């Protein structure tokens, strides 16, 4: 499990899907209930992958392309 993904999940609002997954992962539980549904993961590794997918989905929407502007001039440098 990537520590940055886990830190991100734990920093999300209480009761969110990310915090529920993170709490299950850190508690060593593979069965969890969220929004009235019970899900049982086969392993902690699978649960960690689900958390990583959620992290990627949430953060890809927040990314914006970056733009850099550079200007060069030969005048005035003598």
PDB file of N, CA and C in Angstrom:
ATOM      1  N   UNK A   1       0.854  -1.181   0.000  1.00  0.00           N
ATOM      2  CA  UNK A   1       0.000   0.000   0.000  1.00  0.00           C
ATOM      3  C   UNK A   1       0.894   1.236   0.000  1.00  0.00           C
ATOM      4  N   UNK A   2       0.601   2.136  -0.912  1.00  0.00           N
ATOM      5  CA  UNK A   2       1.322   3.400  -1.004  1.00  0.00           C
ATOM      6  C   UNK A   2       0.924   4.273   0.193  1.00  0.00           C
ATOM      7  N   UNK A   3       1.894   4.714   0.981  1.00  0.00           N
ATOM      8  CA  UNK A   3       1.558   5.522   2.162  1.00  0.00           C
ATOM      9  C   UNK A   3       0.828   6.822   1.829  1.00  0.00           C
ATOM     10  N   UNK A   4       1.089   7.405   0.653  1.00  0.00           N
ATOM     11  CA  UNK A   4       0.397   8.652   0.293  1.00  0.00           C
ATOM     12  C   UNK A   4      -1.083   8.392   0.026  1.00  0.00           C
ATOM     13  N   UNK A   5      -1.405   7.233  -0.533  1.00  0.00           N
ATOM     14  CA  UNK A   5      -2.808   6.877  -0.767  1.00  0.00           C
ATOM     15  C   UNK A   5      -3.520   6.689   0.572  1.00  0.00           C
ATOM     16  N   UNK A   6      -2.874   6.010   1.482  1.00  0.00           N
ATOM     17  CA  UNK A   6      -3.465   5.790   2.801  1.00  0.00           C
ATOM     18  C   UNK A   6      -3.635   7.112   3.547  1.00  0.00           C
ATOM     19  N   UNK A   7      -2.646   7.978   3.475  1.00  0.00           N
ATOM     20  CA  UNK A   7      -2.742   9.285   4.134  1.00  0.00           C
ATOM     21  C   UNK A   7      -3.873  10.110   3.532  1.00  0.00           C
ATOM     22  N   UNK A   8      -3.991  10.061   2.206  1.00  0.00           N
ATOM     23  CA  UNK A   8      -5.080  10.782   1.532  1.00  0.00           C
ATOM     24  C   UNK A   8      -6.432  10.265   2.023  1.00  0.00           C
ATOM     25  N   UNK A   9      -6.578   8.939   2.077  1.00  0.00           N
ATOM     26  CA  UNK A   9      -7.848   8.336   2.480  1.00  0.00           C
ATOM     27  C   UNK A   9      -8.211   8.706   3.913  1.00  0.00           C
ATOM     28  N   UNK A  10      -7.240   8.687   4.783  1.00  0.00           N
ATOM     29  CA  UNK A  10      -7.505   9.022   6.187  1.00  0.00           C
ATOM     30  C   UNK A  10      -7.830  10.497   6.378  1.00  0.00           C
ATOM     31  N   UNK A  11      -7.422  11.349   5.433  1.00  0.00           N
ATOM     32  CA  UNK A  11      -7.690  12.787   5.520  1.00  0.00           C
ATOM     33  C   UNK A  11      -9.058  13.161   4.947  1.00  0.00           C
ATOM     34  N   UNK A  12      -9.756  12.218   4.342  1.00  0.00           N
ATOM     35  CA  UNK A  12     -11.076  12.485   3.766  1.00  0.00           C
ATOM     36  C   UNK A  12     -12.107  12.628   4.881  1.00  0.00           C
ATOM     37  N   UNK A  13     -13.255  13.237   4.565  1.00  0.00           N
ATOM     38  CA  UNK A  13     -14.298  13.408   5.591  1.00  0.00           C
ATOM     39  C   UNK A  13     -14.733  12.070   6.200  1.00  0.00           C
ATOM     40  N   UNK A  14     -15.040  12.106   7.470  1.00  0.00           N
ATOM     41  CA  UNK A  14     -15.473  10.894   8.183  1.00  0.00           C
ATOM     42  C   UNK A  14     -16.706  10.306   7.521  1.00  0.00           C
ATOM     43  N   UNK A  15     -16.728   8.995   7.380  1.00  0.00           N
ATOM     44  CA  UNK A  15     -17.860   8.315   6.786  1.00  0.00           C
ATOM     45  C   UNK A  15     -17.798   8.193   5.275  1.00  0.00           C
ATOM     46  N   UNK A  16     -16.791   8.808   4.656  1.00  0.00           N
ATOM     47  CA  UNK A  16     -16.675   8.685   3.205  1.00  0.00           C
ATOM     48  C   UNK A  16     -16.166   7.292   2.846  1.00  0.00           C
ATOM     49  N   UNK A  17     -16.343   6.921   1.602  1.00  0.00           N
ATOM     50  CA  UNK A  17     -15.907   5.596   1.152  1.00  0.00           C
ATOM     51  C   UNK A  17     -14.412   5.407   1.395  1.00  0.00           C
ATOM     52  N   UNK A  18     -13.632   6.459   1.157  1.00  0.00           N
ATOM     53  CA  UNK A  18     -12.179   6.360   1.333  1.00  0.00           C
ATOM     54  C   UNK A  18     -11.819   6.094   2.796  1.00  0.00           C
ATOM     55  N   UNK A  19     -12.466   6.787   3.729  1.00  0.00           N
ATOM     56  CA  UNK A  19     -12.135   6.574   5.141  1.00  0.00           C
ATOM     57  C   UNK A  19     -12.585   5.200   5.620  1.00  0.00           C
ATOM     58  N   UNK A  20     -13.706   4.712   5.095  1.00  0.00           N
ATOM     59  CA  UNK A  20     -14.170   3.373   5.476  1.00  0.00           C
ATOM     60  C   UNK A  20     -13.177   2.326   4.979  1.00  0.00           C
ATOM     61  N   UNK A  21     -12.732   2.461   3.726  1.00  0.00           N
ATOM     62  CA  UNK A  21     -11.739   1.524   3.189  1.00  0.00           C
ATOM     63  C   UNK A  21     -10.429   1.601   3.969  1.00  0.00           C
ATOM     64  N   UNK A  22      -9.978   2.815   4.279  1.00  0.00           N
ATOM     65  CA  UNK A  22      -8.719   2.982   5.011  1.00  0.00           C
ATOM     66  C   UNK A  22      -8.812   2.393   6.412  1.00  0.00           C
ATOM     67  N   UNK A  23      -9.942   2.609   7.073  1.00  0.00           N
ATOM     68  CA  UNK A  23     -10.119   2.054   8.419  1.00  0.00           C
ATOM     69  C   UNK A  23     -10.111   0.532   8.382  1.00  0.00           C
ATOM     70  N   UNK A  24     -10.747  -0.036   7.373  1.00  0.00           N
ATOM     71  CA  UNK A  24     -10.746  -1.495   7.238  1.00  0.00           C
ATOM     72  C   UNK A  24      -9.331  -1.996   6.969  1.00  0.00           C
ATOM     73  N   UNK A  25      -8.623  -1.305   6.104  1.00  0.00           N
ATOM     74  CA  UNK A  25      -7.255  -1.717   5.766  1.00  0.00           C
ATOM     75  C   UNK A  25      -6.343  -1.661   6.988  1.00  0.00           C
ATOM     76  N   UNK A  26      -6.377  -0.538   7.704  1.00  0.00           N
ATOM     77  CA  UNK A  26      -5.494  -0.397   8.865  1.00  0.00           C
ATOM     78  C   UNK A  26      -5.904  -1.328  10.004  1.00  0.00           C
ATOM     79  N   UNK A  27      -7.189  -1.697  10.059  1.00  0.00           N
ATOM     80  CA  UNK A  27      -7.661  -2.616  11.093  1.00  0.00           C
ATOM     81  C   UNK A  27      -7.504  -4.079  10.717  1.00  0.00           C
ATOM     82  N   UNK A  28      -7.078  -4.336   9.481  1.00  0.00           N
ATOM     83  CA  UNK A  28      -6.881  -5.706   9.050  1.00  0.00           C
ATOM     84  C   UNK A  28      -8.174  -6.444   8.723  1.00  0.00           C
ATOM     85  N   UNK A  29      -9.228  -5.694   8.458  1.00  0.00           N
ATOM     86  CA  UNK A  29     -10.528  -6.276   8.161  1.00  0.00           C
ATOM     87  C   UNK A  29     -10.755  -6.294   6.656  1.00  0.00           C
ATOM     88  N   UNK A  30     -11.259  -7.402   6.149  1.00  0.00           N
ATOM     89  CA  UNK A  30     -11.532  -7.482   4.712  1.00  0.00           C
ATOM     90  C   UNK A  30     -13.028  -7.416   4.406  1.00  0.00           C
ATOM     91  N   UNK A  31     -13.853  -7.366   5.430  1.00  0.00           N
ATOM     92  CA  UNK A  31     -15.303  -7.247   5.248  1.00  0.00           C
ATOM     93  C   UNK A  31     -15.759  -5.914   5.812  1.00  0.00           C
ATOM     94  N   UNK A  32     -16.477  -5.139   4.981  1.00  0.00           N
ATOM     95  CA  UNK A  32     -16.936  -3.842   5.450  1.00  0.00           C
ATOM     96  C   UNK A  32     -18.297  -3.518   4.879  1.00  0.00           C
ATOM     97  N   UNK A  33     -19.002  -2.630   5.551  1.00  0.00           N
ATOM     98  CA  UNK A  33     -20.327  -2.205   5.115  1.00  0.00           C
ATOM     99  C   UNK A  33     -20.298  -0.705   4.894  1.00  0.00           C
ATOM    100  N   UNK A  34     -20.807  -0.300   3.728  1.00  0.00           N
ATOM    101  CA  UNK A  34     -20.862   1.117   3.379  1.00  0.00           C
ATOM    102  C   UNK A  34     -22.135   1.353   2.582  1.00  0.00           C
ATOM    103  N   UNK A  35     -22.903   2.367   2.942  1.00  0.00           N
ATOM    104  CA  UNK A  35     -24.170   2.692   2.273  1.00  0.00           C
ATOM    105  C   UNK A  35     -25.106   1.492   2.194  1.00  0.00           C
ATOM    106  N   UNK A  36     -25.169   0.707   3.245  1.00  0.00           N
ATOM    107  CA  UNK A  36     -26.079  -0.422   3.298  1.00  0.00           C
ATOM    108  C   UNK A  36     -25.626  -1.663   2.540  1.00  0.00           C
ATOM    109  N   UNK A  37     -24.439  -1.618   1.963  1.00  0.00           N
ATOM    110  CA  UNK A  37     -23.901  -2.774   1.234  1.00  0.00           C
ATOM    111  C   UNK A  37     -22.735  -3.359   2.004  1.00  0.00           C
ATOM    112  N   UNK A  38     -22.662  -4.672   2.005  1.00  0.00           N
ATOM    113  CA  UNK A  38     -21.528  -5.349   2.624  1.00  0.00           C
ATOM    114  C   UNK A  38     -20.662  -5.918   1.521  1.00  0.00           C
ATOM    115  N   UNK A  39     -19.377  -5.629   1.602  1.00  0.00           N
ATOM    116  CA  UNK A  39     -18.410  -6.112   0.621  1.00  0.00           C
ATOM    117  C   UNK A  39     -17.325  -6.863   1.372  1.00  0.00           C
ATOM    118  N   UNK A  40     -16.958  -8.017   0.855  1.00  0.00           N
ATOM    119  CA  UNK A  40     -15.852  -8.763   1.444  1.00  0.00           C
ATOM    120  C   UNK A  40     -14.755  -8.906   0.396  1.00  0.00           C
ATOM    121  N   UNK A  41     -13.595  -8.335   0.706  1.00  0.00           N
ATOM    122  CA  UNK A  41     -12.434  -8.424  -0.182  1.00  0.00           C
ATOM    123  C   UNK A  41     -11.697  -9.723   0.112  1.00  0.00           C
ATOM    124  N   UNK A  42     -11.064 -10.287  -0.893  1.00  0.00           N
ATOM    125  CA  UNK A  42     -10.356 -11.558  -0.718  1.00  0.00           C
ATOM    126  C   UNK A  42      -9.105 -11.426   0.141  1.00  0.00           C
ATOM    127  N   UNK A  43      -8.511 -10.235   0.118  1.00  0.00           N
ATOM    128  CA  UNK A  43      -7.280 -10.018   0.889  1.00  0.00           C
ATOM    129  C   UNK A  43      -7.111  -8.538   1.158  1.00  0.00           C
ATOM    130  N   UNK A  44      -6.182  -8.218   2.044  1.00  0.00           N
ATOM    131  CA  UNK A  44      -5.865  -6.809   2.295  1.00  0.00           C
ATOM    132  C   UNK A  44      -5.233  -6.172   1.064  1.00  0.00           C
ATOM    133  N   UNK A  45      -4.521  -6.969   0.278  1.00  0.00           N
ATOM    134  CA  UNK A  45      -3.923  -6.459  -0.950  1.00  0.00           C
ATOM    135  C   UNK A  45      -5.014  -5.997  -1.923  1.00  0.00           C
ATOM    136  N   UNK A  46      -6.067  -6.783  -2.052  1.00  0.00           N
ATOM    137  CA  UNK A  46      -7.176  -6.403  -2.925  1.00  0.00           C
ATOM    138  C   UNK A  46      -7.868  -5.144  -2.403  1.00  0.00           C
ATOM    139  N   UNK A  47      -8.048  -5.041  -1.110  1.00  0.00           N
ATOM    140  CA  UNK A  47      -8.635  -3.851  -0.510  1.00  0.00           C
ATOM    141  C   UNK A  47      -7.745  -2.632  -0.768  1.00  0.00           C
ATOM    142  N   UNK A  48      -6.438  -2.819  -0.654  1.00  0.00           N
ATOM    143  CA  UNK A  48      -5.500  -1.730  -0.930  1.00  0.00           C
ATOM    144  C   UNK A  48      -5.556  -1.283  -2.377  1.00  0.00           C
ATOM    145  N   UNK A  49      -5.723  -2.242  -3.296  1.00  0.00           N
ATOM    146  CA  UNK A  49      -5.856  -1.886  -4.718  1.00  0.00           C
ATOM    147  C   UNK A  49      -7.136  -1.096  -4.963  1.00  0.00           C
ATOM    148  N   UNK A  50      -8.218  -1.468  -4.293  1.00  0.00           N
ATOM    149  CA  UNK A  50      -9.480  -0.733  -4.426  1.00  0.00           C
ATOM    150  C   UNK A  50      -9.316   0.695  -3.933  1.00  0.00           C
ATOM    151  N   UNK A  51      -8.586   0.862  -2.863  1.00  0.00           N
ATOM    152  CA  UNK A  51      -8.323   2.193  -2.323  1.00  0.00           C
ATOM    153  C   UNK A  51      -7.459   3.006  -3.287  1.00  0.00           C
ATOM    154  N   UNK A  52      -6.478   2.373  -3.906  1.00  0.00           N
ATOM    155  CA  UNK A  52      -5.629   3.060  -4.878  1.00  0.00           C
ATOM    156  C   UNK A  52      -6.425   3.488  -6.111  1.00  0.00           C
ATOM    157  N   UNK A  53      -7.351   2.645  -6.555  1.00  0.00           N
ATOM    158  CA  UNK A  53      -8.205   2.997  -7.702  1.00  0.00           C
ATOM    159  C   UNK A  53      -9.092   4.187  -7.346  1.00  0.00           C
ATOM    160  N   UNK A  54      -9.659   4.186  -6.158  1.00  0.00           N
ATOM    161  CA  UNK A  54     -10.489   5.304  -5.707  1.00  0.00           C
ATOM    162  C   UNK A  54      -9.668   6.589  -5.650  1.00  0.00           C
ATOM    163  N   UNK A  55      -8.462   6.485  -5.121  1.00  0.00           N
ATOM    164  CA  UNK A  55      -7.562   7.649  -5.041  1.00  0.00           C
ATOM    165  C   UNK A  55      -7.268   8.194  -6.430  1.00  0.00           C
ATOM    166  N   UNK A  56      -6.958   7.326  -7.371  1.00  0.00           N
ATOM    167  CA  UNK A  56      -6.651   7.759  -8.737  1.00  0.00           C
ATOM    168  C   UNK A  56      -7.860   8.418  -9.391  1.00  0.00           C
ATOM    169  N   UNK A  57      -9.040   7.848  -9.186  1.00  0.00           N
ATOM    170  CA  UNK A  57     -10.254   8.414  -9.779  1.00  0.00           C
ATOM    171  C   UNK A  57     -10.565   9.792  -9.198  1.00  0.00           C
ATOM    172  N   UNK A  58     -10.422   9.942  -7.897  1.00  0.00           N
ATOM    173  CA  UNK A  58     -10.710  11.215  -7.251  1.00  0.00           C
ATOM    174  C   UNK A  58      -9.704  12.295  -7.653  1.00  0.00           C
ATOM    175  N   UNK A  59      -8.446  11.921  -7.776  1.00  0.00           N
ATOM    176  CA  UNK A  59      -7.416  12.911  -8.044  1.00  0.00           C
ATOM    177  C   UNK A  59      -7.220  13.209  -9.524  1.00  0.00           C
ATOM    178  N   UNK A  60      -7.636  12.323 -10.413  1.00  0.00           N
ATOM    179  CA  UNK A  60      -7.507  12.623 -11.837  1.00  0.00           C
ATOM    180  C   UNK A  60      -8.499  13.704 -12.232  1.00  0.00           C
ATOM    181  N   UNK A  61      -9.647  13.747 -11.580  1.00  0.00           N
ATOM    182  CA  UNK A  61     -10.636  14.778 -11.867  1.00  0.00           C
ATOM    183  C   UNK A  61     -10.186  16.136 -11.351  1.00  0.00           C
ATOM    184  N   UNK A  62      -9.355  16.157 -10.320  1.00  0.00           N
ATOM    185  CA  UNK A  62      -8.912  17.417  -9.727  1.00  0.00           C
ATOM    186  C   UNK A  62      -7.703  18.001 -10.444  1.00  0.00           C
ATOM    187  N   UNK A  63      -7.006  17.187 -11.238  1.00  0.00           N
ATOM    188  CA  UNK A  63      -5.816  17.683 -11.921  1.00  0.00           C
ATOM    189  C   UNK A  63      -6.166  18.616 -13.055  1.00  0.00           C
ATOM    190  N   UNK A  64      -5.423  19.658 -13.174  1.00  0.00           N
ATOM    191  CA  UNK A  64      -5.582  20.593 -14.272  1.00  0.00           C
ATOM    192  C   UNK A  64      -4.262  20.638 -15.036  1.00  0.00           C
ATOM    193  N   UNK A  65      -4.341  20.823 -16.335  1.00  0.00           N
ATOM    194  CA  UNK A  65      -3.084  20.932 -17.080  1.00  0.00           C
ATOM    195  C   UNK A  65      -2.334  22.188 -16.655  1.00  0.00           C
ATOM    196  N   UNK A  66      -1.034  22.096 -16.608  1.00  0.00           N
ATOM    197  CA  UNK A  66      -0.245  23.265 -16.240  1.00  0.00           C
ATOM    198  C   UNK A  66       0.286  23.933 -17.503  1.00  0.00           C
ATOM    199  N   UNK A  67       0.410  25.238 -17.443  1.00  0.00           N
ATOM    200  CA  UNK A  67       0.893  26.015 -18.570  1.00  0.00           C
ATOM    201  C   UNK A  67       2.026  26.895 -18.076  1.00  0.00           C
ATOM    202  N   UNK A  68       3.091  26.933 -18.838  1.00  0.00           N
ATOM    203  CA  UNK A  68       4.234  27.788 -18.509  1.00  0.00           C
ATOM    204  C   UNK A  68       4.439  28.766 -19.648  1.00  0.00           C
ATOM    205  N   UNK A  69       4.648  30.015 -19.309  1.00  0.00           N
ATOM    206  CA  UNK A  69       4.889  31.042 -20.309  1.00  0.00           C
ATOM    207  C   UNK A  69       6.306  31.570 -20.114  1.00  0.00           C
ATOM    208  N   UNK A  70       7.054  31.598 -21.196  1.00  0.00           N
ATOM    209  CA  UNK A  70       8.417  32.132 -21.141  1.00  0.00           C
ATOM    210  C   UNK A  70       8.571  33.191 -22.217  1.00  0.00           C
ATOM    211  N   UNK A  71       9.301  34.236 -21.895  1.00  0.00           N
ATOM    212  CA  UNK A  71       9.539  35.308 -22.840  1.00  0.00           C
ATOM    213  C   UNK A  71      11.031  35.626 -22.863  1.00  0.00           C
ATOM    214  N   UNK A  72      11.579  35.793 -24.044  1.00  0.00           N
ATOM    215  CA  UNK A  72      13.002  36.082 -24.178  1.00  0.00           C
ATOM    216  C   UNK A  72      13.165  37.307 -25.064  1.00  0.00           C
ATOM    217  N   UNK A  73      14.155  38.086 -24.757  1.00  0.00           N
ATOM    218  CA  UNK A  73      14.437  39.272 -25.572  1.00  0.00           C
ATOM    219  C   UNK A  73      15.930  39.496 -25.633  1.00  0.00           C
ATOM    220  N   UNK A  74      16.458  39.875 -26.802  1.00  0.00           N
ATOM    221  CA  UNK A  74      17.874  40.208 -26.946  1.00  0.00           C
ATOM    222  C   UNK A  74      18.124  41.686 -26.695  1.00  0.00           C
ATOM    223  N   UNK A  75      17.099  42.477 -26.690  1.00  0.00           N
ATOM    224  CA  UNK A  75      17.243  43.921 -26.496  1.00  0.00           C
ATOM    225  C   UNK A  75      17.491  44.251 -25.034  1.00  0.00           C
ATOM    226  N   UNK A  76      18.315  45.239 -24.797  1.00  0.00           N
ATOM    227  CA  UNK A  76      18.531  45.737 -23.452  1.00  0.00           C
ATOM    228  C   UNK A  76      19.485  44.912 -22.615  1.00  0.00           C
ATOM    229  N   UNK A  77      20.141  43.907 -23.173  1.00  0.00           N
ATOM    230  CA  UNK A  77      21.042  43.101 -22.376  1.00  0.00           C
ATOM    231  C   UNK A  77      22.513  43.454 -22.644  1.00  0.00           C
ATOM    232  N   UNK A  78      22.784  44.581 -23.311  1.00  0.00           N
ATOM    233  CA  UNK A  78      24.152  44.995 -23.644  1.00  0.00           C
ATOM    234  C   UNK A  78      24.795  45.802 -22.578  1.00  0.00           C
TER     235      UNK A  78
END
